[in-house]
Amino acid sequence: MAMWRQALMALAALAEALGTPGSIPTVLDQAKAVLGQAQVALRGLEVAREATVSPAVALGTLGDEDPERLRLLGAVAEAAAAALEREERRARRCQRWLRAGHGLAVGLMVLCAAVLSLDSARAALGVAEDSHLLLALAAVAVSCEVARRSLGTSRRHLATAAGNQRDMAQRLRHRARRVEAARASAEAAAATNEATAAVLGRLEEVTQALETLVAAVTQDREVTPWGTRGQGFPNAARALGDIAVALGTSGEEHEEVVRRLEVAQGALAGQG
C-alpha cells in the first residue's frame, strides 16, 4: 500500500477510535508510528526531487548547442586532419627522393673526383683539371640535403596540425554525445520530477492532516486523561472539521475517508 494511503487509513482509524475512548491509546500509537514513517517518506521524496535538478543544471552548462552541428564540425575537423596527413605522406615521399638524389650526387662526386684525377681521363673527356662539374655536383648534393631537412620540419608541423585536428574532432563528437545525454536525462528528470511532485503533494497533505489530528487528540488527553468521566475531544472535533474540508477539496480519492471523518466529527459534535 502506498505510504499516503497508509497515512489516510491511520487518519480515519484514529478519528473513528474517538467514539470508543478505550481503544484510543493503541490506535494513537499506531497513528504516531505511521506518521513517523510518512515523515521519513516525505524527506526521501524531497531528496529525490532535488536530485532531479542536476540533469537540468548539466544541460544548462552545455548551452543550447546542436549535437548535429557539433558532429558536422567534427567531420570537418576529421577531413582537415586527413588532408594534412596526405600532405605529410607526400612530403615523406619527396624526402625519400631527395635522400636518393643526395646520395647519387655524392656518389657521382666521388666517382668524378677519382676519374678527373687522371690526366688520361681528362684528355679523353676534354675537360680541364679545374672543371666545374664537381662544384655542380656538390651544389646538387647540398640542395637536396637542405630541401630534405626543410621537408622534415614541414612534416613535423603537418603531423602536429593533423593530430590537433583529430583531437578537435574527437572533442566535438564527445561534446555532441554529452549534449544528447544531458538532454535525454533532463527530459526524463522532468517527467520523474512531475510524478514525484504529485506524490509528494498528496503525501504532504495527508501527513499534515494526520499530524494535526494526533496533536489534537494528545492535547485533549492532557486536559482529560483516558478513562476520565465525561471524556471529551473538543480539539479533535475541531481538527476533524478542518481536515474534512481540506481533504474534500483535494480530490475524489479522499471521498470515502472524508465521509468517515465527517461521521466521526458528527459523533463528537456535542463535545466541542
C-alpha atoms as a PDB file:
ATOM      1  CA  MET A   1       0.000   0.000   0.000  1.00  0.00           C
ATOM      2  CA  ALA A   2       1.276   3.463  -0.842  1.00  0.00           C
ATOM      3  CA  MET A   3       2.509   5.499   2.099  1.00  0.00           C
ATOM      4  CA  TRP A   4      -0.095   8.233   1.563  1.00  0.00           C
ATOM      5  CA  ARG A   5      -2.810   5.589   1.611  1.00  0.00           C
ATOM      6  CA  GLN A   6      -1.482   4.147   4.897  1.00  0.00           C
ATOM      7  CA  ALA A   7      -1.477   7.627   6.424  1.00  0.00           C
ATOM      8  CA  LEU A   8      -5.022   8.189   5.186  1.00  0.00           C
ATOM      9  CA  MET A   9      -6.219   4.912   6.738  1.00  0.00           C
ATOM     10  CA  ALA A  10      -4.459   5.735  10.027  1.00  0.00           C
ATOM     11  CA  LEU A  11      -6.189   9.139   9.990  1.00  0.00           C
ATOM     12  CA  ALA A  12      -9.614   7.541   9.524  1.00  0.00           C
ATOM     13  CA  ALA A  13      -8.914   4.869  12.157  1.00  0.00           C
ATOM     14  CA  LEU A  14      -7.884   7.452  14.743  1.00  0.00           C
ATOM     15  CA  ALA A  15     -10.953   9.585  14.012  1.00  0.00           C
ATOM     16  CA  GLU A  16     -13.283   6.611  14.435  1.00  0.00           C
ATOM     17  CA  ALA A  17     -11.494   5.471  17.612  1.00  0.00           C
ATOM     18  CA  LEU A  18     -12.555   8.711  19.299  1.00  0.00           C
ATOM     19  CA  GLY A  19     -16.023   7.159  19.666  1.00  0.00           C
ATOM     20  CA  THR A  20     -14.556   4.370  21.858  1.00  0.00           C
ATOM     21  CA  PRO A  21     -12.041   6.051  24.185  1.00  0.00           C
ATOM     22  CA  GLY A  22     -10.751   2.734  25.483  1.00  0.00           C
ATOM     23  CA  SER A  23      -9.211   1.922  22.115  1.00  0.00           C
ATOM     24  CA  ILE A  24      -7.600   5.324  21.586  1.00  0.00           C
ATOM     25  CA  PRO A  25      -4.179   4.642  23.235  1.00  0.00           C
ATOM     26  CA  THR A  26      -3.473   1.707  20.920  1.00  0.00           C
ATOM     27  CA  VAL A  27      -4.806   3.426  17.796  1.00  0.00           C
ATOM     28  CA  LEU A  28      -2.967   6.644  18.694  1.00  0.00           C
ATOM     29  CA  ASP A  29       0.331   4.754  18.987  1.00  0.00           C
ATOM     30  CA  GLN A  30      -0.306   3.139  15.617  1.00  0.00           C
ATOM     31  CA  ALA A  31      -1.103   6.550  14.108  1.00  0.00           C
ATOM     32  CA  LYS A  32       2.110   8.012  15.519  1.00  0.00           C
ATOM     33  CA  ALA A  33       4.105   5.119  14.015  1.00  0.00           C
ATOM     34  CA  VAL A  34       2.517   5.669  10.596  1.00  0.00           C
ATOM     35  CA  LEU A  35       3.094   9.422  10.965  1.00  0.00           C
ATOM     36  CA  GLY A  36       6.814   8.814  11.591  1.00  0.00           C
ATOM     37  CA  GLN A  37       7.025   6.594   8.512  1.00  0.00           C
ATOM     38  CA  ALA A  38       5.197   9.185   6.409  1.00  0.00           C
ATOM     39  CA  GLN A  39       7.566  11.940   7.541  1.00  0.00           C
ATOM     40  CA  VAL A  40      10.573   9.790   6.611  1.00  0.00           C
ATOM     41  CA  ALA A  41       8.984   9.090   3.214  1.00  0.00           C
ATOM     42  CA  LEU A  42       8.415  12.821   2.731  1.00  0.00           C
ATOM     43  CA  ARG A  43      12.086  13.592   3.355  1.00  0.00           C
ATOM     44  CA  GLY A  44      13.065  10.854   0.914  1.00  0.00           C
ATOM     45  CA  LEU A  45      10.782  12.279  -1.776  1.00  0.00           C
ATOM     46  CA  GLU A  46      12.179  15.776  -1.201  1.00  0.00           C
ATOM     47  CA  VAL A  47      15.730  14.464  -1.642  1.00  0.00           C
ATOM     48  CA  ALA A  48      14.689  12.587  -4.789  1.00  0.00           C
ATOM     49  CA  ARG A  49      13.076  15.724  -6.171  1.00  0.00           C
ATOM     50  CA  GLU A  50      16.209  17.780  -5.520  1.00  0.00           C
ATOM     51  CA  ALA A  51      18.287  15.140  -7.290  1.00  0.00           C
ATOM     52  CA  THR A  52      16.256  15.642 -10.475  1.00  0.00           C
ATOM     53  CA  VAL A  53      17.547  19.216 -10.653  1.00  0.00           C
ATOM     54  CA  SER A  54      21.092  18.014 -11.519  1.00  0.00           C
ATOM     55  CA  PRO A  55      20.343  16.924 -15.127  1.00  0.00           C
ATOM     56  CA  ALA A  56      18.733  20.283 -15.876  1.00  0.00           C
ATOM     57  CA  VAL A  57      21.778  22.070 -14.430  1.00  0.00           C
ATOM     58  CA  ALA A  58      24.079  19.878 -16.548  1.00  0.00           C
ATOM     59  CA  LEU A  59      22.084  20.745 -19.661  1.00  0.00           C
ATOM     60  CA  GLY A  60      22.232  24.432 -18.778  1.00  0.00           C
ATOM     61  CA  THR A  61      26.041  24.368 -18.581  1.00  0.00           C
ATOM     62  CA  LEU A  62      26.181  22.896 -22.095  1.00  0.00           C
ATOM     63  CA  GLY A  63      24.057  25.687 -23.522  1.00  0.00           C
ATOM     64  CA  ASP A  64      21.690  25.277 -26.442  1.00  0.00           C
ATOM     65  CA  GLU A  65      24.219  23.517 -28.645  1.00  0.00           C
ATOM     66  CA  ASP A  66      23.005  21.380 -31.543  1.00  0.00           C
ATOM     67  CA  PRO A  67      24.505  17.850 -31.474  1.00  0.00           C
ATOM     68  CA  GLU A  68      24.163  17.574 -35.260  1.00  0.00           C
ATOM     69  CA  ARG A  69      26.112  20.786 -35.774  1.00  0.00           C
ATOM     70  CA  LEU A  70      28.790  19.579 -33.377  1.00  0.00           C
ATOM     71  CA  ARG A  71      29.060  16.329 -35.334  1.00  0.00           C
ATOM     72  CA  LEU A  72      29.290  18.280 -38.600  1.00  0.00           C
ATOM     73  CA  LEU A  73      32.112  20.403 -37.203  1.00  0.00           C
ATOM     74  CA  GLY A  74      33.778  17.197 -36.025  1.00  0.00           C
ATOM     75  CA  ALA A  75      33.525  15.759 -39.539  1.00  0.00           C
ATOM     76  CA  VAL A  76      35.079  18.944 -40.962  1.00  0.00           C
ATOM     77  CA  ALA A  77      37.966  18.669 -38.489  1.00  0.00           C
ATOM     78  CA  GLU A  78      38.361  14.984 -39.369  1.00  0.00           C
ATOM     79  CA  ALA A  79      38.516  15.837 -43.087  1.00  0.00           C
ATOM     80  CA  ALA A  80      41.098  18.550 -42.419  1.00  0.00           C
ATOM     81  CA  ALA A  81      43.196  16.046 -40.455  1.00  0.00           C
ATOM     82  CA  ALA A  82      43.012  13.566 -43.348  1.00  0.00           C
ATOM     83  CA  ALA A  83      44.123  16.268 -45.831  1.00  0.00           C
ATOM     84  CA  LEU A  84      47.064  17.225 -43.613  1.00  0.00           C
ATOM     85  CA  GLU A  85      48.068  13.583 -43.301  1.00  0.00           C
ATOM     86  CA  ARG A  86      48.020  13.235 -47.102  1.00  0.00           C
ATOM     87  CA  GLU A  87      50.330  16.252 -47.351  1.00  0.00           C
ATOM     88  CA  GLU A  88      52.586  14.685 -44.746  1.00  0.00           C
ATOM     89  CA  ARG A  89      52.780  11.454 -46.769  1.00  0.00           C
ATOM     90  CA  ARG A  90      53.654  13.397 -49.943  1.00  0.00           C
ATOM     91  CA  ALA A  91      56.363  15.235 -48.049  1.00  0.00           C
ATOM     92  CA  ARG A  92      57.706  11.889 -46.848  1.00  0.00           C
ATOM     93  CA  ARG A  93      57.882  10.580 -50.420  1.00  0.00           C
ATOM     94  CA  CYS A  94      59.682  13.757 -51.532  1.00  0.00           C
ATOM     95  CA  GLN A  95      62.130  13.289 -48.686  1.00  0.00           C
ATOM     96  CA  ARG A  96      62.936   9.808 -49.939  1.00  0.00           C
ATOM     97  CA  TRP A  97      63.566  11.134 -53.440  1.00  0.00           C
ATOM     98  CA  LEU A  98      65.760  13.934 -52.095  1.00  0.00           C
ATOM     99  CA  ARG A  99      67.689  11.483 -49.950  1.00  0.00           C
ATOM    100  CA  ALA A 100      68.265   9.354 -53.048  1.00  0.00           C
ATOM    101  CA  GLY A 101      69.284  12.444 -55.052  1.00  0.00           C
ATOM    102  CA  HIS A 102      71.729  13.474 -52.344  1.00  0.00           C
ATOM    103  CA  GLY A 103      73.253  10.017 -52.280  1.00  0.00           C
ATOM    104  CA  LEU A 104      73.531   9.932 -56.070  1.00  0.00           C
ATOM    105  CA  ALA A 105      75.164  13.377 -56.202  1.00  0.00           C
ATOM    106  CA  VAL A 106      77.686  12.421 -53.524  1.00  0.00           C
ATOM    107  CA  GLY A 107      78.417   9.148 -55.299  1.00  0.00           C
ATOM    108  CA  LEU A 108      78.969  10.950 -58.592  1.00  0.00           C
ATOM    109  CA  MET A 109      81.226  13.461 -56.850  1.00  0.00           C
ATOM    110  CA  VAL A 110      83.425  10.668 -55.516  1.00  0.00           C
ATOM    111  CA  LEU A 111      83.461   8.926 -58.871  1.00  0.00           C
ATOM    112  CA  CYS A 112      84.161  12.088 -60.870  1.00  0.00           C
ATOM    113  CA  ALA A 113      86.854  13.153 -58.455  1.00  0.00           C
ATOM    114  CA  ALA A 114      88.605   9.805 -58.932  1.00  0.00           C
ATOM    115  CA  VAL A 115      88.242   9.923 -62.727  1.00  0.00           C
ATOM    116  CA  LEU A 116      89.281  13.550 -63.161  1.00  0.00           C
ATOM    117  CA  SER A 117      92.373  12.993 -61.069  1.00  0.00           C
ATOM    118  CA  LEU A 118      93.765  11.020 -64.035  1.00  0.00           C
ATOM    119  CA  ASP A 119      95.372  13.068 -66.851  1.00  0.00           C
ATOM    120  CA  SER A 120      94.393  10.491 -69.464  1.00  0.00           C
ATOM    121  CA  ALA A 121      90.763  10.587 -68.380  1.00  0.00           C
ATOM    122  CA  ARG A 122      90.667  14.371 -68.530  1.00  0.00           C
ATOM    123  CA  ALA A 123      92.247  14.321 -72.000  1.00  0.00           C
ATOM    124  CA  ALA A 124      89.748  11.722 -73.188  1.00  0.00           C
ATOM    125  CA  LEU A 125      86.816  13.710 -71.773  1.00  0.00           C
ATOM    126  CA  GLY A 126      88.215  17.023 -72.951  1.00  0.00           C
ATOM    127  CA  VAL A 127      87.857  18.745 -69.593  1.00  0.00           C
ATOM    128  CA  ALA A 128      90.314  20.814 -67.614  1.00  0.00           C
ATOM    129  CA  GLU A 129      91.583  19.895 -64.164  1.00  0.00           C
ATOM    130  CA  ASP A 130      89.601  22.794 -62.628  1.00  0.00           C
ATOM    131  CA  SER A 131      86.285  21.660 -64.163  1.00  0.00           C
ATOM    132  CA  HIS A 132      83.097  22.970 -62.530  1.00  0.00           C
ATOM    133  CA  LEU A 133      81.493  19.522 -62.645  1.00  0.00           C
ATOM    134  CA  LEU A 134      82.445  18.704 -59.083  1.00  0.00           C
ATOM    135  CA  LEU A 135      81.136  22.072 -57.859  1.00  0.00           C
ATOM    136  CA  ALA A 136      77.844  21.488 -59.636  1.00  0.00           C
ATOM    137  CA  LEU A 137      77.505  18.025 -58.101  1.00  0.00           C
ATOM    138  CA  ALA A 138      78.341  19.459 -54.676  1.00  0.00           C
ATOM    139  CA  ALA A 139      75.669  22.142 -55.112  1.00  0.00           C
ATOM    140  CA  VAL A 140      73.137  19.484 -56.058  1.00  0.00           C
ATOM    141  CA  ALA A 141      74.045  17.384 -53.010  1.00  0.00           C
ATOM    142  CA  VAL A 142      73.778  20.362 -50.659  1.00  0.00           C
ATOM    143  CA  SER A 143      70.468  21.486 -52.197  1.00  0.00           C
ATOM    144  CA  CYS A 144      68.990  18.005 -51.805  1.00  0.00           C
ATOM    145  CA  GLU A 145      70.062  17.826 -48.164  1.00  0.00           C
ATOM    146  CA  VAL A 146      68.725  21.293 -47.338  1.00  0.00           C
ATOM    147  CA  ALA A 147      65.425  20.535 -49.047  1.00  0.00           C
ATOM    148  CA  ARG A 148      65.207  17.170 -47.242  1.00  0.00           C
ATOM    149  CA  ARG A 149      65.730  18.795 -43.855  1.00  0.00           C
ATOM    150  CA  SER A 150      63.169  21.512 -44.650  1.00  0.00           C
ATOM    151  CA  LEU A 151      60.670  18.860 -45.600  1.00  0.00           C
ATOM    152  CA  GLY A 152      61.379  17.090 -42.319  1.00  0.00           C
ATOM    153  CA  THR A 153      60.425  20.257 -40.432  1.00  0.00           C
ATOM    154  CA  SER A 154      57.296  20.647 -42.577  1.00  0.00           C
ATOM    155  CA  ARG A 155      56.357  17.034 -41.923  1.00  0.00           C
ATOM    156  CA  ARG A 156      56.555  17.543 -38.173  1.00  0.00           C
ATOM    157  CA  HIS A 157      54.355  20.629 -38.416  1.00  0.00           C
ATOM    158  CA  LEU A 158      51.876  18.788 -40.624  1.00  0.00           C
ATOM    159  CA  ALA A 159      51.765  15.823 -38.239  1.00  0.00           C
ATOM    160  CA  THR A 160      51.178  18.168 -35.265  1.00  0.00           C
ATOM    161  CA  ALA A 161      48.415  20.035 -37.101  1.00  0.00           C
ATOM    162  CA  ALA A 162      46.762  16.754 -38.152  1.00  0.00           C
ATOM    163  CA  GLY A 163      46.884  15.497 -34.551  1.00  0.00           C
ATOM    164  CA  ASN A 164      45.316  18.729 -33.309  1.00  0.00           C
ATOM    165  CA  GLN A 165      42.519  18.437 -35.863  1.00  0.00           C
ATOM    166  CA  ARG A 166      41.842  14.827 -34.859  1.00  0.00           C
ATOM    167  CA  ASP A 167      41.758  15.845 -31.193  1.00  0.00           C
ATOM    168  CA  MET A 168      39.319  18.626 -32.063  1.00  0.00           C
ATOM    169  CA  ALA A 169      37.102  16.187 -33.978  1.00  0.00           C
ATOM    170  CA  GLN A 170      37.105  13.793 -31.019  1.00  0.00           C
ATOM    171  CA  ARG A 171      36.249  16.568 -28.560  1.00  0.00           C
ATOM    172  CA  LEU A 172      33.383  17.767 -30.752  1.00  0.00           C
ATOM    173  CA  ARG A 173      31.950  14.259 -31.079  1.00  0.00           C
ATOM    174  CA  HIS A 174      32.286  13.733 -27.325  1.00  0.00           C
ATOM    175  CA  ARG A 175      30.542  17.039 -26.649  1.00  0.00           C
ATOM    176  CA  ALA A 176      27.717  16.102 -29.028  1.00  0.00           C
ATOM    177  CA  ARG A 177      27.218  12.869 -27.073  1.00  0.00           C
ATOM    178  CA  ARG A 178      27.240  14.796 -23.786  1.00  0.00           C
ATOM    179  CA  VAL A 179      24.628  17.274 -25.047  1.00  0.00           C
ATOM    180  CA  GLU A 180      22.380  14.432 -26.228  1.00  0.00           C
ATOM    181  CA  ALA A 181      22.805  12.528 -22.965  1.00  0.00           C
ATOM    182  CA  ALA A 182      22.151  15.650 -20.876  1.00  0.00           C
ATOM    183  CA  ARG A 183      19.061  16.478 -22.916  1.00  0.00           C
ATOM    184  CA  ALA A 184      17.660  12.953 -22.582  1.00  0.00           C
ATOM    185  CA  SER A 185      18.455  12.946 -18.873  1.00  0.00           C
ATOM    186  CA  ALA A 186      16.807  16.340 -18.385  1.00  0.00           C
ATOM    187  CA  GLU A 187      13.652  15.188 -20.198  1.00  0.00           C
ATOM    188  CA  ALA A 188      13.494  12.008 -18.121  1.00  0.00           C
ATOM    189  CA  ALA A 189      14.142  14.024 -14.956  1.00  0.00           C
ATOM    190  CA  ALA A 190      11.343  16.433 -15.837  1.00  0.00           C
ATOM    191  CA  ALA A 191       8.881  13.540 -16.163  1.00  0.00           C
ATOM    192  CA  THR A 192      10.146  11.979 -12.928  1.00  0.00           C
ATOM    193  CA  ASN A 193      10.000  15.320 -11.157  1.00  0.00           C
ATOM    194  CA  GLU A 194       6.396  15.833 -12.204  1.00  0.00           C
ATOM    195  CA  ALA A 195       5.393  12.400 -10.909  1.00  0.00           C
ATOM    196  CA  THR A 196       7.394  12.901  -7.696  1.00  0.00           C
ATOM    197  CA  ALA A 197       5.810  16.307  -7.133  1.00  0.00           C
ATOM    198  CA  ALA A 198       2.330  14.789  -7.428  1.00  0.00           C
ATOM    199  CA  VAL A 199       3.118  12.014  -4.913  1.00  0.00           C
ATOM    200  CA  LEU A 200       4.904  14.479  -2.636  1.00  0.00           C
ATOM    201  CA  GLY A 201       1.954  16.888  -2.597  1.00  0.00           C
ATOM    202  CA  ARG A 202      -0.532  14.126  -1.862  1.00  0.00           C
ATOM    203  CA  LEU A 203       1.585  12.603   0.909  1.00  0.00           C
ATOM    204  CA  GLU A 204       2.365  16.005   2.399  1.00  0.00           C
ATOM    205  CA  GLU A 205      -1.316  16.881   2.626  1.00  0.00           C
ATOM    206  CA  VAL A 206      -2.319  13.610   4.284  1.00  0.00           C
ATOM    207  CA  THR A 207       0.701  13.636   6.608  1.00  0.00           C
ATOM    208  CA  GLN A 208      -0.147  17.158   7.719  1.00  0.00           C
ATOM    209  CA  ALA A 209      -3.729  16.094   8.406  1.00  0.00           C
ATOM    210  CA  LEU A 210      -2.618  13.063  10.428  1.00  0.00           C
ATOM    211  CA  GLU A 211      -0.117  15.158  12.370  1.00  0.00           C
ATOM    212  CA  THR A 212      -2.832  17.720  13.160  1.00  0.00           C
ATOM    213  CA  LEU A 213      -5.256  15.084  14.448  1.00  0.00           C
ATOM    214  CA  VAL A 214      -2.570  13.306  16.513  1.00  0.00           C
ATOM    215  CA  ALA A 215      -1.629  16.637  18.117  1.00  0.00           C
ATOM    216  CA  ALA A 216      -5.290  17.488  18.840  1.00  0.00           C
ATOM    217  CA  VAL A 217      -6.001  14.094  20.440  1.00  0.00           C
ATOM    218  CA  THR A 218      -2.830  14.422  22.516  1.00  0.00           C
ATOM    219  CA  GLN A 219      -3.916  17.877  23.743  1.00  0.00           C
ATOM    220  CA  ASP A 220      -7.354  16.543  24.678  1.00  0.00           C
ATOM    221  CA  ARG A 221      -5.704  13.711  26.605  1.00  0.00           C
ATOM    222  CA  GLU A 222      -3.651  16.213  28.623  1.00  0.00           C
ATOM    223  CA  VAL A 223      -6.832  18.033  29.671  1.00  0.00           C
ATOM    224  CA  THR A 224      -8.873  14.904  30.488  1.00  0.00           C
ATOM    225  CA  PRO A 225      -6.758  11.737  30.809  1.00  0.00           C
ATOM    226  CA  TRP A 226      -8.070   8.446  29.448  1.00  0.00           C
ATOM    227  CA  GLY A 227     -10.833   6.971  31.490  1.00  0.00           C
ATOM    228  CA  THR A 228     -11.903  10.312  32.983  1.00  0.00           C
ATOM    229  CA  ARG A 229     -15.634  10.619  33.415  1.00  0.00           C
ATOM    230  CA  GLY A 230     -17.127  12.719  30.662  1.00  0.00           C
ATOM    231  CA  GLN A 231     -14.082  12.260  28.419  1.00  0.00           C
ATOM    232  CA  GLY A 232     -14.320  14.834  25.612  1.00  0.00           C
ATOM    233  CA  PHE A 233     -12.337  15.644  22.467  1.00  0.00           C
ATOM    234  CA  PRO A 234     -13.087  19.266  21.566  1.00  0.00           C
ATOM    235  CA  ASN A 235      -9.708  19.894  19.920  1.00  0.00           C
ATOM    236  CA  ALA A 236     -10.006  16.691  17.906  1.00  0.00           C
ATOM    237  CA  ALA A 237     -13.548  17.603  16.822  1.00  0.00           C
ATOM    238  CA  ARG A 238     -12.437  20.997  15.532  1.00  0.00           C
ATOM    239  CA  ALA A 239      -9.409  19.428  13.811  1.00  0.00           C
ATOM    240  CA  LEU A 240     -11.607  16.833  12.124  1.00  0.00           C
ATOM    241  CA  GLY A 241     -13.811  19.559  10.697  1.00  0.00           C
ATOM    242  CA  ASP A 242     -10.849  21.413   9.197  1.00  0.00           C
ATOM    243  CA  ILE A 243      -9.308  18.193   7.875  1.00  0.00           C
ATOM    244  CA  ALA A 244     -12.546  17.033   6.264  1.00  0.00           C
ATOM    245  CA  VAL A 245     -12.908  20.354   4.455  1.00  0.00           C
ATOM    246  CA  ALA A 246      -9.293  20.357   3.273  1.00  0.00           C
ATOM    247  CA  LEU A 247      -9.334  16.764   2.041  1.00  0.00           C
ATOM    248  CA  GLY A 248     -12.757  17.165   0.494  1.00  0.00           C
ATOM    249  CA  THR A 249     -11.467  19.820  -1.894  1.00  0.00           C
ATOM    250  CA  SER A 250      -8.276  17.996  -2.879  1.00  0.00           C
ATOM    251  CA  GLY A 251      -9.502  15.019  -4.901  1.00  0.00           C
ATOM    252  CA  GLU A 252     -12.031  12.224  -5.373  1.00  0.00           C
ATOM    253  CA  GLU A 253      -9.633   9.624  -3.926  1.00  0.00           C
ATOM    254  CA  HIS A 254     -10.355  11.075  -0.464  1.00  0.00           C
ATOM    255  CA  GLU A 255     -14.159  10.833  -0.690  1.00  0.00           C
ATOM    256  CA  GLU A 256     -14.564   7.659   1.409  1.00  0.00           C
ATOM    257  CA  VAL A 257     -12.166   8.825   4.115  1.00  0.00           C
ATOM    258  CA  VAL A 258     -13.768  12.279   4.203  1.00  0.00           C
ATOM    259  CA  ARG A 259     -17.162  10.626   4.748  1.00  0.00           C
ATOM    260  CA  ARG A 260     -15.746   8.602   7.658  1.00  0.00           C
ATOM    261  CA  LEU A 261     -14.175  11.733   9.158  1.00  0.00           C
ATOM    262  CA  GLU A 262     -17.471  13.619   8.923  1.00  0.00           C
ATOM    263  CA  VAL A 263     -19.293  10.751  10.673  1.00  0.00           C
ATOM    264  CA  ALA A 264     -16.663  10.732  13.430  1.00  0.00           C
ATOM    265  CA  GLN A 265     -16.894  14.502  13.777  1.00  0.00           C
ATOM    266  CA  GLY A 266     -20.685  14.308  13.987  1.00  0.00           C
ATOM    267  CA  ALA A 267     -20.355  11.878  16.855  1.00  0.00           C
ATOM    268  CA  LEU A 268     -18.065  14.326  18.674  1.00  0.00           C
ATOM    269  CA  ALA A 269     -20.015  17.472  17.822  1.00  0.00           C
ATOM    270  CA  GLY A 270     -21.698  17.629  21.204  1.00  0.00           C
ATOM    271  CA  GLN A 271     -18.288  17.638  22.896  1.00  0.00           C
ATOM    272  CA  GLY A 272     -16.849  20.702  21.010  1.00  0.00           C
END
